[in-house]
Amino acid sequence: MTAQQTFRNTVIVVVTLALAYAITQSIGILIVLLIAIIIASAIRPAVLFLKNHHVPEGLAILLVYALLAFALFLLGAVVLPPAMTQLVGYVSDNDALATKIIDAQTQIHDAIKDSTGTDLTLLDPALIKSTISNTVDAIKKALPAIAGEFGGLAGNFVLILVMGVYWLTSRDQAVDFVLHLFPLGRRGDVGTMIHEIESSMGAYVRGIVLISTFVGVANFIILSIFQVPNPVTLGFIVGITTALPIIGGYIGAFTATLLAFLSSPLNALIAFGTFVVVQQVENHLLTPRVMSRSVNLNPILIIVFLFVGSALGGVIGALIAVPIAGTLNILLRHLIIEPRQVVSAPQYVDGGILLPGASNTEQNTPPPSQSQDIMRSANPTS
């Protein structure tokens, strides 16, 4: 190896390490940028709809984002006050919370004993009181950190809006720049992949928002009809956790049922039954229709990506894990799977079968039967 080659390889290694270090140090900003692009891909059809109706692009983008911000503000104004009131009530009075749990446990014990004659062993009331006290103390200590996280979340939300606006205004130029990085013969394929990735991410986000809204509103309506306490909070918990595919709804149902249990076992039973009914409607009617154009992945792979995303980036990582998995699926299909299928599939040429790996000369050679017919037509006397 010459000195020039050694120097070149050293420079490549140093630049690679520098890029890797820069990416690890700016991973937070990259995640925010990715979320901004995903949300922008979801609302881009609305922007294009307004543009097609003679609304200037800048005004269309501002209108869509203003509507999005207003919807989130309205949701927070409706959900946060009762949720915070309930949380403050639990935190401020440990004994009352422990008493509710002990009374609910006693009611369940009495109901089971009356119906089946089985005498269950109850949890020690002193153990329940100590556990509640320790949990509430931990929540009180974590409140300052939670407030700081909320402030950071609000800052990231503003940054997502700003980045999304810039992405929508410069999206065509960015895509054109990426296309010019590839040879002319490959630009069509690259453009197709970009379009599929953008459509998949946008359809996934719109589908998740629609499904979560339906689940939250449906649970709220049914719980309100049966007069279960705090139906807004319980419906919001079930709806927002539904954004996590497959496992999110069960997490929300467990949390909502547990909170309803604090009021009475009957309310817990109603909350659980409401979740089951709404989930059946969602799984059999809504999800197949809404998510038909979204990511097409095996449920096991989705669960794996959810856990990996959660381990790397918490709740945010779990939320963006499925769009990333869908993007990887599209890239693998276009770059590896489909090209191999084309190469390995037998090709029919002039009525004959061309086996994989045949040469150009063999492609132009007709089968033996056709060769004999050609020779007879060229020499009629034979």
Protein backbone atom coordinates (compact mmCIF):
# COMPACT_ATOMS: atom_id res chain seq x y z
CA MET A 1 0.00 0.00 0.00
CA THR A 2 1.42 3.36 -1.04
CA ALA A 3 1.64 6.42 1.18
CA GLN A 4 -1.14 8.12 -0.84
CA GLN A 5 -3.50 5.18 -0.33
CA THR A 6 -2.69 5.09 3.37
CA PHE A 7 -3.40 8.81 3.69
CA ARG A 8 -6.69 8.47 1.77
CA ASN A 9 -7.89 5.55 3.91
CA THR A 10 -6.94 7.44 7.08
CA VAL A 11 -8.94 10.48 5.95
CA ILE A 12 -11.97 8.26 5.18
CA VAL A 13 -11.83 6.68 8.64
CA VAL A 14 -11.46 10.05 10.39
CA VAL A 15 -14.33 11.59 8.44
CA THR A 16 -16.56 8.57 9.14
CA LEU A 17 -15.83 8.75 12.86
CA ALA A 18 -16.48 12.51 12.87
CA LEU A 19 -19.82 12.04 11.12
CA ALA A 20 -20.80 9.27 13.54
CA TYR A 21 -19.90 11.49 16.51
CA ALA A 22 -21.85 14.42 15.06
CA ILE A 23 -24.91 12.21 14.53
CA THR A 24 -24.80 10.83 18.09
CA GLN A 25 -24.47 14.33 19.54
CA SER A 26 -27.35 15.71 17.47
CA ILE A 27 -29.68 12.71 17.73
CA GLY A 28 -32.27 14.80 19.56
CA ILE A 29 -32.48 17.36 16.76
CA LEU A 30 -32.59 14.59 14.15
CA ILE A 31 -35.54 12.98 15.94
CA VAL A 32 -37.36 16.32 16.05
CA LEU A 33 -36.65 16.81 12.34
CA LEU A 34 -37.93 13.31 11.56
CA ILE A 35 -41.13 13.94 13.52
CA ALA A 36 -41.57 17.25 11.70
CA ILE A 37 -41.22 15.53 8.31
CA ILE A 38 -43.65 12.76 9.32
CA ILE A 39 -46.29 15.29 10.45
CA ALA A 40 -45.68 17.44 7.37
CA SER A 41 -46.18 14.37 5.16
CA ALA A 42 -49.49 13.73 6.93
CA ILE A 43 -50.87 17.24 6.40
CA ARG A 44 -49.42 17.80 2.91
CA PRO A 45 -52.60 16.54 1.15
CA ALA A 46 -54.58 19.24 2.99
CA VAL A 47 -52.08 21.87 1.85
CA LEU A 48 -52.28 20.63 -1.74
CA PHE A 49 -56.10 20.68 -1.53
CA LEU A 50 -56.06 24.34 -0.53
CA LYS A 51 -53.51 25.15 -3.24
CA ASN A 52 -55.73 23.51 -5.84
CA HIS A 53 -58.52 25.83 -4.69
CA HIS A 54 -56.40 28.91 -5.42
CA VAL A 55 -55.07 29.48 -1.89
CA PRO A 56 -51.42 30.66 -1.88
CA GLU A 57 -49.00 28.01 -0.65
CA GLY A 58 -47.73 30.01 2.33
CA LEU A 59 -51.23 30.85 3.49
CA ALA A 60 -52.35 27.24 3.02
CA ILE A 61 -49.49 25.96 5.19
CA LEU A 62 -50.21 28.52 7.91
CA LEU A 63 -53.93 27.69 7.89
CA VAL A 64 -53.33 23.94 8.24
CA TYR A 65 -50.79 24.33 11.04
CA ALA A 66 -52.98 26.88 12.82
CA LEU A 67 -55.86 24.42 12.70
CA LEU A 68 -53.59 21.68 14.06
CA ALA A 69 -52.37 23.89 16.92
CA PHE A 70 -55.94 24.94 17.76
CA ALA A 71 -57.09 21.32 17.86
CA LEU A 72 -54.25 20.38 20.24
CA PHE A 73 -54.97 23.42 22.43
CA LEU A 74 -58.67 22.54 22.58
CA LEU A 75 -57.84 18.93 23.47
CA GLY A 76 -55.54 20.08 26.27
CA ALA A 77 -58.13 22.52 27.60
CA VAL A 78 -60.74 19.78 27.76
CA VAL A 79 -58.58 16.95 29.11
CA LEU A 80 -55.95 18.52 31.38
CA PRO A 81 -58.15 20.27 34.00
CA PRO A 82 -60.07 17.18 35.17
CA ALA A 83 -56.96 15.00 34.93
CA MET A 84 -54.89 17.44 36.99
CA THR A 85 -57.71 17.79 39.53
CA GLN A 86 -57.87 14.04 39.95
CA LEU A 87 -54.09 13.73 40.22
CA VAL A 88 -53.85 16.50 42.80
CA GLY A 89 -56.63 14.86 44.81
CA TYR A 90 -54.75 11.56 44.87
CA VAL A 91 -51.41 13.15 45.73
CA SER A 92 -52.75 15.44 48.44
CA ASP A 93 -54.68 12.77 50.37
CA ASN A 94 -52.88 9.45 50.70
CA ASP A 95 -55.29 8.01 53.26
CA ALA A 96 -58.37 8.65 51.12
CA LEU A 97 -56.80 6.92 48.14
CA ALA A 98 -55.76 3.93 50.25
CA THR A 99 -59.25 3.75 51.75
CA LYS A 100 -60.81 3.63 48.28
CA ILE A 101 -58.58 0.73 47.26
CA ILE A 102 -59.30 -1.18 50.51
CA ASP A 103 -63.06 -0.64 50.15
CA ALA A 104 -62.99 -1.78 46.48
CA GLN A 105 -61.02 -4.87 47.48
CA THR A 106 -63.59 -5.68 50.16
CA GLN A 107 -66.49 -5.28 47.71
CA ILE A 108 -64.85 -7.67 45.22
CA HIS A 109 -64.20 -10.18 47.99
CA ASP A 110 -67.81 -10.05 49.19
CA ALA A 111 -69.22 -10.37 45.66
CA ILE A 112 -67.06 -13.42 44.85
CA LYS A 113 -67.84 -15.06 48.19
CA ASP A 114 -71.60 -14.54 47.77
CA SER A 115 -71.65 -15.91 44.21
CA THR A 116 -69.17 -18.80 44.46
CA GLY A 117 -68.68 -19.37 48.16
CA THR A 118 -64.91 -18.97 47.77
CA ASP A 119 -63.16 -17.05 50.53
CA LEU A 120 -60.25 -15.11 48.97
CA THR A 121 -57.24 -13.87 50.87
CA LEU A 122 -57.16 -10.07 50.87
CA LEU A 123 -54.11 -7.86 50.78
CA ASP A 124 -53.04 -6.47 54.11
CA PRO A 125 -54.55 -2.95 54.52
CA ALA A 126 -51.33 -1.78 56.18
CA LEU A 127 -49.37 -2.95 53.13
CA ILE A 128 -51.75 -1.08 50.83
CA LYS A 129 -51.40 2.13 52.85
CA SER A 130 -47.59 1.94 52.90
CA THR A 131 -47.42 1.22 49.15
CA ILE A 132 -49.72 4.15 48.35
CA SER A 133 -47.72 6.43 50.62
CA ASN A 134 -44.41 5.47 48.99
CA THR A 135 -45.88 5.85 45.49
CA VAL A 136 -47.31 9.28 46.23
CA ASP A 137 -44.00 10.43 47.76
CA ALA A 138 -42.19 9.29 44.60
CA ILE A 139 -44.67 11.21 42.44
CA LYS A 140 -44.20 14.36 44.53
CA LYS A 141 -40.42 14.12 44.13
CA ALA A 142 -40.77 13.60 40.38
CA LEU A 143 -43.13 16.55 39.81
CA PRO A 144 -40.33 19.15 39.26
CA ALA A 145 -38.67 16.87 36.70
CA ILE A 146 -42.04 16.28 35.02
CA ALA A 147 -42.59 20.06 34.83
CA GLY A 148 -39.16 20.45 33.23
CA GLU A 149 -39.92 17.71 30.73
CA PHE A 150 -43.20 19.43 29.88
CA GLY A 151 -41.34 22.67 29.19
CA GLY A 152 -38.90 20.85 26.93
CA LEU A 153 -41.80 19.14 25.19
CA ALA A 154 -43.46 22.49 24.52
CA GLY A 155 -40.21 23.81 23.04
CA ASN A 156 -39.85 20.75 20.82
CA PHE A 157 -43.47 21.17 19.70
CA VAL A 158 -42.76 24.72 18.50
CA LEU A 159 -39.58 23.50 16.79
CA ILE A 160 -41.55 20.72 15.06
CA LEU A 161 -44.04 23.27 13.72
CA VAL A 162 -41.29 25.54 12.42
CA MET A 163 -39.35 22.69 10.80
CA GLY A 164 -42.54 21.35 9.28
CA VAL A 165 -43.33 24.68 7.70
CA TYR A 166 -39.85 24.92 6.22
CA TRP A 167 -40.06 21.33 4.96
CA LEU A 168 -43.35 21.94 3.16
CA THR A 169 -42.06 25.12 1.52
CA SER A 170 -38.77 23.54 0.39
CA ARG A 171 -39.89 19.95 -0.09
CA ASP A 172 -39.80 19.98 -3.91
CA GLN A 173 -36.33 21.53 -3.99
CA ALA A 174 -35.04 18.99 -1.45
CA VAL A 175 -36.43 16.05 -3.43
CA ASP A 176 -34.97 17.48 -6.67
CA PHE A 177 -31.57 17.82 -4.99
CA VAL A 178 -31.68 14.19 -3.81
CA LEU A 179 -32.66 12.98 -7.28
CA HIS A 180 -29.68 14.77 -8.86
CA LEU A 181 -27.35 12.77 -6.61
CA PHE A 182 -28.22 9.62 -8.60
CA PRO A 183 -27.55 8.65 -12.22
CA LEU A 184 -30.19 9.69 -14.73
CA GLY A 185 -31.38 6.12 -15.25
CA ARG A 186 -32.03 5.63 -11.53
CA ARG A 187 -33.86 8.87 -10.79
CA GLY A 188 -37.26 7.43 -11.67
CA ASP A 189 -36.85 4.57 -9.19
CA VAL A 190 -35.56 6.91 -6.48
CA GLY A 191 -38.48 9.28 -7.06
CA THR A 192 -40.90 6.37 -6.76
CA MET A 193 -39.34 5.31 -3.44
CA ILE A 194 -39.51 8.85 -2.05
CA HIS A 195 -43.16 9.13 -3.07
CA GLU A 196 -44.04 5.77 -1.50
CA ILE A 197 -42.21 6.59 1.73
CA GLU A 198 -43.91 9.96 2.03
CA SER A 199 -47.35 8.53 1.22
CA SER A 200 -46.85 5.65 3.68
CA MET A 201 -45.80 7.91 6.55
CA GLY A 202 -48.59 10.39 5.88
CA ALA A 203 -51.25 7.68 5.62
CA TYR A 204 -50.00 6.05 8.81
CA VAL A 205 -50.17 9.27 10.84
CA ARG A 206 -53.60 10.21 9.52
CA GLY A 207 -54.86 6.70 10.22
CA ILE A 208 -53.49 6.69 13.77
CA VAL A 209 -55.04 10.09 14.51
CA LEU A 210 -58.42 9.00 13.17
CA ILE A 211 -58.39 5.70 15.07
CA SER A 212 -57.23 7.31 18.33
CA THR A 213 -59.92 9.98 18.02
CA PHE A 214 -62.62 7.39 17.41
CA VAL A 215 -61.48 5.20 20.32
CA GLY A 216 -61.23 8.12 22.74
CA VAL A 217 -64.59 9.67 21.79
CA ALA A 218 -66.40 6.31 21.76
CA ASN A 219 -65.09 5.38 25.21
CA PHE A 220 -65.99 8.83 26.52
CA ILE A 221 -69.57 8.59 25.23
CA ILE A 222 -70.21 5.09 26.63
CA LEU A 223 -68.60 5.88 30.00
CA SER A 224 -70.66 9.09 30.23
CA ILE A 225 -73.86 7.15 29.54
CA PHE A 226 -73.09 4.76 32.40
CA GLN A 227 -72.05 7.72 34.62
CA VAL A 228 -68.53 6.47 35.28
CA PRO A 229 -66.50 9.21 37.02
CA ASN A 230 -63.95 11.18 34.96
CA PRO A 231 -65.00 9.87 31.51
CA VAL A 232 -62.95 12.55 29.73
CA THR A 233 -59.72 11.44 31.41
CA LEU A 234 -60.41 7.73 30.91
CA GLY A 235 -61.39 8.18 27.26
CA PHE A 236 -58.29 10.30 26.62
CA ILE A 237 -56.00 7.69 28.20
CA VAL A 238 -57.41 4.87 26.08
CA GLY A 239 -57.42 7.01 22.92
CA ILE A 240 -53.90 8.39 23.22
CA THR A 241 -52.34 5.01 24.04
CA THR A 242 -54.03 3.52 20.97
CA ALA A 243 -51.44 5.47 18.95
CA LEU A 244 -49.04 2.65 19.87
CA PRO A 245 -50.06 -0.20 17.55
CA ILE A 246 -51.12 -3.59 18.95
CA ILE A 247 -50.00 -3.12 22.57
CA GLY A 248 -50.95 0.50 23.23
CA GLY A 249 -54.68 -0.10 23.54
CA TYR A 250 -54.17 -2.78 26.19
CA ILE A 251 -51.92 -0.46 28.21
CA GLY A 252 -54.57 2.25 28.08
CA ALA A 253 -57.36 -0.18 28.96
CA PHE A 254 -55.45 -1.45 32.00
CA THR A 255 -54.76 2.10 33.19
CA ALA A 256 -58.33 3.27 32.64
CA THR A 257 -59.77 0.18 34.35
CA LEU A 258 -57.43 0.69 37.31
CA LEU A 259 -58.49 4.34 37.69
CA ALA A 260 -62.15 3.40 37.42
CA PHE A 261 -61.56 0.73 40.06
CA LEU A 262 -60.70 3.48 42.55
CA SER A 263 -64.31 4.67 42.41
CA SER A 264 -65.95 1.23 42.47
CA PRO A 265 -65.47 -2.29 41.09
CA LEU A 266 -68.64 -1.84 39.01
CA ASN A 267 -67.14 1.19 37.27
CA ALA A 268 -63.99 -0.81 36.58
CA LEU A 269 -66.08 -3.57 35.01
CA ILE A 270 -67.94 -1.02 32.87
CA ALA A 271 -64.66 0.60 31.76
CA PHE A 272 -63.19 -2.77 30.80
CA GLY A 273 -66.33 -3.82 28.92
CA THR A 274 -66.39 -0.49 27.07
CA PHE A 275 -62.82 -1.02 25.94
CA VAL A 276 -63.61 -4.53 24.67
CA VAL A 277 -66.63 -3.35 22.67
CA VAL A 278 -64.85 -0.37 21.12
CA GLN A 279 -61.78 -2.47 20.33
CA GLN A 280 -63.88 -4.97 18.41
CA VAL A 281 -65.33 -2.19 16.26
CA GLU A 282 -61.85 -0.73 15.74
CA ASN A 283 -60.16 -4.02 14.84
CA HIS A 284 -62.82 -5.35 12.47
CA LEU A 285 -64.24 -2.22 10.83
CA LEU A 286 -62.03 0.83 11.22
CA THR A 287 -58.41 -0.35 11.21
CA PRO A 288 -58.60 -2.51 8.03
CA ARG A 289 -60.13 0.39 6.08
CA VAL A 290 -58.10 3.28 7.44
CA MET A 291 -54.69 1.58 7.54
CA SER A 292 -54.96 -0.23 4.19
CA ARG A 293 -52.57 2.28 2.55
CA SER A 294 -50.20 2.45 5.48
CA VAL A 295 -47.21 0.30 6.44
CA ASN A 296 -47.67 -3.37 5.63
CA LEU A 297 -45.64 -5.20 8.26
CA ASN A 298 -45.98 -8.40 10.23
CA PRO A 299 -47.37 -7.74 13.75
CA ILE A 300 -44.36 -9.46 15.32
CA LEU A 301 -42.01 -7.07 13.49
CA ILE A 302 -44.12 -4.13 14.64
CA ILE A 303 -43.85 -5.24 18.27
CA VAL A 304 -40.07 -5.68 17.91
CA PHE A 305 -39.68 -2.19 16.43
CA LEU A 306 -41.89 -0.76 19.17
CA PHE A 307 -39.72 -2.21 21.92
CA VAL A 308 -36.51 -1.17 20.16
CA GLY A 309 -37.84 2.36 19.64
CA SER A 310 -39.00 2.54 23.26
CA ALA A 311 -35.61 1.37 24.53
CA LEU A 312 -33.75 3.94 22.41
CA GLY A 313 -36.07 6.94 22.62
CA GLY A 314 -38.81 6.31 25.17
CA VAL A 315 -42.39 7.09 24.17
CA ILE A 316 -41.29 9.26 21.23
CA GLY A 317 -39.06 6.48 19.96
CA ALA A 318 -41.94 4.01 20.13
CA LEU A 319 -44.23 6.38 18.22
CA ILE A 320 -41.82 6.90 15.33
CA ALA A 321 -40.61 3.27 15.27
CA VAL A 322 -43.41 2.07 12.99
CA PRO A 323 -42.95 4.80 10.30
CA ILE A 324 -39.22 4.05 10.31
CA ALA A 325 -39.97 0.34 9.95
CA GLY A 326 -42.30 1.11 7.04
CA THR A 327 -39.57 3.18 5.38
CA LEU A 328 -37.05 0.35 5.74
CA ASN A 329 -39.62 -2.05 4.32
CA ILE A 330 -40.07 0.10 1.20
CA LEU A 331 -36.30 0.49 0.71
CA LEU A 332 -35.67 -3.24 1.09
CA ARG A 333 -38.50 -4.08 -1.31
CA HIS A 334 -37.25 -1.72 -4.03
CA LEU A 335 -33.51 -2.24 -3.60
CA ILE A 336 -33.23 -5.95 -2.78
CA ILE A 337 -36.42 -8.01 -2.95
CA GLU A 338 -37.95 -6.88 -6.27
CA PRO A 339 -34.65 -6.83 -8.24
CA ARG A 340 -33.91 -10.39 -7.12
CA GLN A 341 -37.39 -11.51 -8.09
CA VAL A 342 -36.92 -10.07 -11.58
CA VAL A 343 -33.54 -11.77 -11.99
CA SER A 344 -34.65 -15.15 -10.64
CA ALA A 345 -38.00 -15.33 -12.44
CA PRO A 346 -38.06 -17.37 -15.70
CA GLN A 347 -38.59 -15.24 -18.81
CA TYR A 348 -40.58 -16.33 -21.84
CA VAL A 349 -38.89 -15.45 -25.13
CA ASP A 350 -40.49 -16.33 -28.51
CA GLY A 351 -42.60 -19.03 -26.89
CA GLY A 352 -39.63 -20.62 -25.12
CA ILE A 353 -38.57 -20.44 -21.48
CA LEU A 354 -35.39 -18.56 -20.65
CA LEU A 355 -33.77 -19.93 -17.52
CA PRO A 356 -32.18 -17.47 -15.03
CA GLY A 357 -28.63 -16.51 -15.93
CA ALA A 358 -28.99 -17.18 -19.66
CA SER A 359 -26.78 -15.08 -21.92
CA ASN A 360 -27.90 -12.56 -24.52
CA THR A 361 -27.11 -15.04 -27.28
CA GLU A 362 -29.30 -17.62 -25.63
CA GLN A 363 -32.12 -15.05 -25.28
CA ASN A 364 -32.19 -14.60 -29.04
CA THR A 365 -32.03 -18.35 -29.78
CA PRO A 366 -35.46 -19.87 -30.41
CA PRO A 367 -36.38 -23.28 -28.99
CA PRO A 368 -35.44 -26.39 -31.08
CA SER A 369 -38.96 -26.83 -32.47
CA GLN A 370 -39.01 -23.23 -33.72
CA SER A 371 -35.51 -23.61 -35.24
CA GLN A 372 -36.69 -26.58 -37.32
CA ASP A 373 -39.74 -24.61 -38.51
CA ILE A 374 -37.54 -21.71 -39.56
CA MET A 375 -35.22 -24.03 -41.52
CA ARG A 376 -38.14 -25.67 -43.33
CA SER A 377 -39.59 -22.28 -44.30
CA ALA A 378 -36.19 -21.19 -45.62
CA ASN A 379 -35.75 -24.47 -47.67
CA PRO A 380 -39.16 -25.58 -48.96
CA THR A 381 -37.73 -28.51 -50.92
CA SER A 382 -36.50 -30.28 -47.81
